[in-house]
Amino acid sequence: MRDTLALVGDGDDLDVIYDVERAFGIKLTDAEAERVRNVGELHDLMELKLLSADTRACLSQAAFYRLRKGLRSMGVQTEIRPETPISILEGIQPRSISRKWKDLSLSSALELPSLETPMGRWLPERGEKWVRGLVYALLSASGLYLAILMHSITGLSKGWAIILVLLAALVLGVSIHYLWHQVFGNIPRRIHTVGDLAREAAGYSFEKLAADKSGSSPFDRWFALSAILRRISGHKRPITRDTTFMSEHAKPTG
């Protein structure tokens, strides 16, 4: 099965272009963007426009040092190397991975990739968003039904009954979403070591680190591009040069 980000052409393809232009300070013409079919081609195009931007700075190394300092401040006593398993987090408090992930982000001053939920581990790309949308729709439908009951039982006007119940359904939906990620969030399966996390964190924190180091390398920019694509698409698996942007039946925004 072809690996794809499953963009659907509802404007998410344009989001990729805008975010790439902003993050790397380049301009992509419409003709250039239309010729790009996979992530490798987009990265090559970026590098052509950034020939003078290379430095000796290694942002992944800088991110690793920040993570190591953060992990030590959180109580990790053993030696921390790039090949250290990320499961080292399991041996420190608090028990919640979600809380530890947030603490590590704060202590390292880095943006980390989003945690995965059990639902996100087996659903296809974007499937989790569709399921959440279905849950919210069911909550809204239930809210309308309760509003009708409230109107008939309490005599409350139909408009106010609908408003109150929909607000309650919205609060309930947001609460379920928050608690689901807080309780069941886990480290993405593609991240096995502290080094893996450092590379992704460098991508997510690219603009901050590149400003500190006055430049970046093609390696750094690959992970920064990957981070942009993950934010927009929700892609969970490793991103390769052959990963395509659009699902087979999607039409790009014109």
Protein backbone atom coordinates (compact mmCIF):
# COMPACT_ATOMS: atom_id res chain seq x y z
CA MET A 1 0.00 0.00 0.00
CA ARG A 2 1.38 3.39 -0.98
CA ASP A 3 2.49 5.57 1.92
CA THR A 4 0.62 8.86 1.78
CA LEU A 5 -0.12 11.83 4.01
CA ALA A 6 -3.72 11.55 2.73
CA LEU A 7 -4.21 15.27 2.17
CA VAL A 8 -7.64 15.75 0.62
CA GLY A 9 -7.18 19.03 -1.22
CA ASP A 10 -9.58 21.05 0.93
CA GLY A 11 -6.89 23.66 1.59
CA ASP A 12 -4.53 21.42 3.55
CA ASP A 13 -2.23 21.25 0.50
CA LEU A 14 -2.00 25.05 0.54
CA ASP A 15 -1.27 24.95 4.29
CA VAL A 16 1.81 22.85 3.52
CA ILE A 17 3.13 25.43 1.05
CA TYR A 18 2.42 28.41 3.32
CA ASP A 19 4.05 26.76 6.34
CA VAL A 20 7.12 25.69 4.36
CA GLU A 21 7.56 29.20 2.98
CA ARG A 22 7.23 30.76 6.44
CA ALA A 23 9.49 28.28 8.26
CA PHE A 24 12.34 28.34 5.75
CA GLY A 25 12.02 31.87 4.39
CA ILE A 26 11.57 30.80 0.77
CA LYS A 27 8.99 31.37 -1.94
CA LEU A 28 7.48 28.54 -4.00
CA THR A 29 5.74 29.41 -7.24
CA ASP A 30 2.44 27.78 -8.19
CA ALA A 31 4.20 25.92 -11.02
CA GLU A 32 6.86 24.56 -8.65
CA ALA A 33 4.27 23.45 -6.10
CA GLU A 34 2.19 21.68 -8.74
CA ARG A 35 5.19 19.63 -9.91
CA VAL A 36 5.91 18.29 -6.42
CA ARG A 37 4.37 14.86 -5.86
CA ASN A 38 6.18 13.47 -2.82
CA VAL A 39 8.09 14.63 0.25
CA GLY A 40 11.50 13.95 -1.28
CA GLU A 41 10.78 16.23 -4.23
CA LEU A 42 9.61 19.00 -1.90
CA HIS A 43 12.75 18.67 0.21
CA ASP A 44 14.96 18.79 -2.92
CA LEU A 45 13.17 21.93 -4.08
CA MET A 46 13.67 23.55 -0.68
CA GLU A 47 17.39 22.71 -0.74
CA LEU A 48 17.81 24.28 -4.18
CA LYS A 49 16.46 27.51 -2.76
CA LEU A 50 18.59 27.27 0.40
CA LEU A 51 22.04 26.52 -1.03
CA SER A 52 23.63 29.30 1.02
CA ALA A 53 21.84 28.44 4.27
CA ASP A 54 23.99 25.49 5.43
CA THR A 55 26.02 25.80 8.61
CA ARG A 56 28.01 23.44 10.80
CA ALA A 57 25.27 23.72 13.41
CA CYS A 58 23.48 20.46 14.24
CA LEU A 59 20.07 21.29 15.61
CA SER A 60 19.37 17.67 16.53
CA GLN A 61 22.48 17.68 18.71
CA ALA A 62 21.36 20.93 20.35
CA ALA A 63 17.93 19.39 20.96
CA PHE A 64 19.56 16.28 22.47
CA TYR A 65 21.52 18.37 24.98
CA ARG A 66 18.32 20.18 25.96
CA LEU A 67 16.45 16.90 26.38
CA ARG A 68 19.27 15.40 28.43
CA LYS A 69 19.26 18.40 30.75
CA GLY A 70 15.46 18.21 31.01
CA LEU A 71 15.48 14.48 31.77
CA ARG A 72 18.08 14.95 34.49
CA SER A 73 16.02 17.71 36.07
CA MET A 74 13.08 15.28 36.09
CA GLY A 75 15.03 12.68 38.05
CA VAL A 76 16.78 10.43 35.51
CA GLN A 77 20.03 9.36 37.19
CA THR A 78 21.53 7.03 34.57
CA GLU A 79 23.74 8.11 31.68
CA ILE A 80 21.73 9.52 28.80
CA ARG A 81 22.99 8.97 25.26
CA PRO A 82 21.27 9.28 21.86
CA GLU A 83 20.78 5.50 21.80
CA THR A 84 19.21 5.44 25.28
CA PRO A 85 15.71 3.89 24.98
CA ILE A 86 12.90 6.41 25.35
CA SER A 87 11.36 3.96 27.81
CA ILE A 88 13.65 5.63 30.35
CA LEU A 89 10.65 7.90 30.98
CA GLU A 90 8.76 5.00 32.53
CA GLY A 91 11.05 4.94 35.56
CA ILE A 92 10.37 8.49 36.74
CA GLN A 93 7.40 10.27 38.26
CA PRO A 94 4.66 11.22 37.64
CA ARG A 95 3.07 8.03 36.27
CA SER A 96 1.16 9.83 33.52
CA ILE A 97 3.09 9.86 30.23
CA SER A 98 1.07 12.91 29.21
CA ARG A 99 2.23 14.84 32.28
CA LYS A 100 5.87 13.69 31.83
CA TRP A 101 5.75 14.69 28.15
CA LYS A 102 4.56 18.17 29.11
CA ASP A 103 7.19 18.46 31.87
CA LEU A 104 9.93 17.39 29.46
CA SER A 105 8.78 19.94 26.90
CA LEU A 106 8.88 22.71 29.52
CA SER A 107 12.21 21.69 31.07
CA SER A 108 13.92 21.37 27.68
CA ALA A 109 12.22 24.43 26.14
CA LEU A 110 11.37 22.30 23.09
CA GLU A 111 8.15 21.51 21.29
CA LEU A 112 7.66 17.74 21.24
CA PRO A 113 5.60 15.64 18.79
CA SER A 114 2.05 14.86 19.84
CA LEU A 115 1.35 11.74 21.85
CA GLU A 116 -0.66 8.92 20.30
CA THR A 117 -3.86 7.50 21.75
CA PRO A 118 -4.98 3.86 21.54
CA MET A 119 -7.51 4.93 18.91
CA GLY A 120 -4.78 6.60 16.88
CA ARG A 121 -2.64 3.45 16.93
CA TRP A 122 -5.01 1.33 14.87
CA LEU A 123 -7.07 3.82 12.88
CA PRO A 124 -5.89 4.90 9.41
CA GLU A 125 -4.66 8.46 8.87
CA ARG A 126 -7.28 11.05 9.79
CA GLY A 127 -9.50 8.26 11.11
CA GLU A 128 -9.25 9.54 14.66
CA LYS A 129 -10.50 12.98 13.56
CA TRP A 130 -13.47 11.39 11.80
CA VAL A 131 -14.34 9.34 14.88
CA ARG A 132 -14.15 12.44 17.08
CA GLY A 133 -16.39 14.27 14.61
CA LEU A 134 -18.89 11.40 14.77
CA VAL A 135 -18.84 11.47 18.59
CA TYR A 136 -19.49 15.22 18.61
CA ALA A 137 -22.30 14.78 16.10
CA LEU A 138 -23.89 12.10 18.28
CA LEU A 139 -23.55 14.36 21.34
CA SER A 140 -25.20 17.19 19.42
CA ALA A 141 -28.05 14.93 18.27
CA SER A 142 -28.52 13.69 21.83
CA GLY A 143 -28.49 17.30 22.97
CA LEU A 144 -31.28 18.23 20.57
CA TYR A 145 -33.35 15.32 21.84
CA LEU A 146 -32.80 16.39 25.46
CA ALA A 147 -33.68 19.96 24.54
CA ILE A 148 -37.04 18.80 23.20
CA LEU A 149 -37.62 16.86 26.44
CA MET A 150 -36.66 19.91 28.53
CA HIS A 151 -39.02 22.07 26.52
CA SER A 152 -41.93 19.66 27.00
CA ILE A 153 -41.26 18.92 30.69
CA THR A 154 -40.12 22.28 32.08
CA GLY A 155 -41.82 24.67 29.73
CA LEU A 156 -38.49 26.33 28.98
CA SER A 157 -38.53 28.01 25.59
CA LYS A 158 -37.31 25.81 22.77
CA GLY A 159 -34.48 28.21 21.88
CA TRP A 160 -33.05 28.36 25.41
CA ALA A 161 -33.40 24.61 25.87
CA ILE A 162 -31.41 23.96 22.70
CA ILE A 163 -28.71 26.47 23.67
CA LEU A 164 -28.27 25.06 27.17
CA VAL A 165 -28.12 21.42 26.10
CA LEU A 166 -25.78 22.07 23.17
CA LEU A 167 -23.44 23.97 25.48
CA ALA A 168 -23.49 21.02 27.88
CA ALA A 169 -22.78 18.63 25.00
CA LEU A 170 -19.88 20.82 23.84
CA VAL A 171 -18.35 20.92 27.33
CA LEU A 172 -18.79 17.15 27.66
CA GLY A 173 -17.18 16.53 24.26
CA VAL A 174 -14.17 18.74 25.00
CA SER A 175 -13.78 17.13 28.44
CA ILE A 176 -13.85 13.61 26.96
CA HIS A 177 -11.28 14.62 24.33
CA TYR A 178 -8.97 16.16 26.95
CA LEU A 179 -9.25 13.27 29.42
CA TRP A 180 -8.78 10.68 26.66
CA HIS A 181 -5.43 12.23 25.70
CA GLN A 182 -4.39 12.85 29.31
CA VAL A 183 -5.11 9.30 30.46
CA PHE A 184 -4.37 7.23 27.36
CA GLY A 185 -1.77 9.33 25.50
CA ASN A 186 1.45 7.42 24.76
CA ILE A 187 4.79 7.98 23.05
CA PRO A 188 4.54 7.58 19.24
CA ARG A 189 5.62 4.10 18.14
CA ARG A 190 8.15 5.51 15.67
CA ILE A 191 10.19 7.04 18.55
CA HIS A 192 12.42 4.39 20.14
CA THR A 193 15.35 6.33 21.60
CA VAL A 194 16.21 9.71 23.07
CA GLY A 195 18.05 10.41 19.80
CA ASP A 196 14.86 9.75 17.82
CA LEU A 197 13.02 12.21 20.04
CA ALA A 198 15.83 14.78 19.70
CA ARG A 199 15.58 14.68 15.90
CA GLU A 200 11.83 15.15 15.93
CA ALA A 201 11.98 17.82 18.66
CA ALA A 202 14.55 19.69 16.57
CA GLY A 203 12.09 19.61 13.68
CA TYR A 204 9.18 20.85 15.76
CA SER A 205 11.36 23.57 17.32
CA PHE A 206 13.22 24.35 14.09
CA GLU A 207 12.69 28.12 13.93
CA LYS A 208 13.78 28.67 17.55
CA LEU A 209 16.87 26.47 17.29
CA ALA A 210 17.89 27.74 13.85
CA ALA A 211 17.74 31.31 15.16
CA ASP A 212 19.91 30.36 18.14
CA LYS A 213 22.48 28.60 15.94
CA SER A 214 22.26 31.06 13.02
CA GLY A 215 21.53 28.37 10.47
CA SER A 216 20.71 24.71 9.84
CA SER A 217 21.69 21.69 7.78
CA PRO A 218 19.70 19.71 5.18
CA PHE A 219 19.34 16.97 7.83
CA ASP A 220 17.75 19.50 10.23
CA ARG A 221 15.45 20.83 7.53
CA TRP A 222 14.24 17.32 6.67
CA PHE A 223 12.95 16.84 10.21
CA ALA A 224 11.52 20.38 10.24
CA LEU A 225 9.63 19.58 7.03
CA SER A 226 8.45 16.29 8.55
CA ALA A 227 7.15 18.17 11.60
CA ILE A 228 5.20 20.58 9.40
CA LEU A 229 3.64 17.69 7.51
CA ARG A 230 2.71 15.84 10.71
CA ARG A 231 1.00 18.91 12.16
CA ILE A 232 -1.15 19.34 9.06
CA SER A 233 -1.89 15.71 8.21
CA GLY A 234 -1.72 13.90 11.56
CA HIS A 235 0.55 11.30 9.89
CA LYS A 236 1.86 8.84 12.49
CA ARG A 237 4.16 6.52 10.57
CA PRO A 238 7.72 7.41 9.52
CA ILE A 239 7.85 9.91 6.65
CA THR A 240 10.16 8.97 3.77
CA ARG A 241 11.17 10.59 0.49
CA ASP A 242 8.56 8.47 -1.30
CA THR A 243 5.68 9.51 0.97
CA THR A 244 3.09 11.22 -1.24
CA PHE A 245 0.90 14.15 -0.30
CA MET A 246 -2.50 13.44 -1.77
CA SER A 247 -4.79 10.46 -1.39
CA GLU A 248 -5.54 8.76 -4.70
CA HIS A 249 -8.95 10.37 -5.17
CA ALA A 250 -8.18 13.81 -3.72
CA LYS A 251 -8.06 16.89 -5.89
CA PRO A 252 -5.61 19.67 -4.94
CA THR A 253 -7.03 23.11 -4.26
CA GLY A 254 -6.76 25.29 -7.32
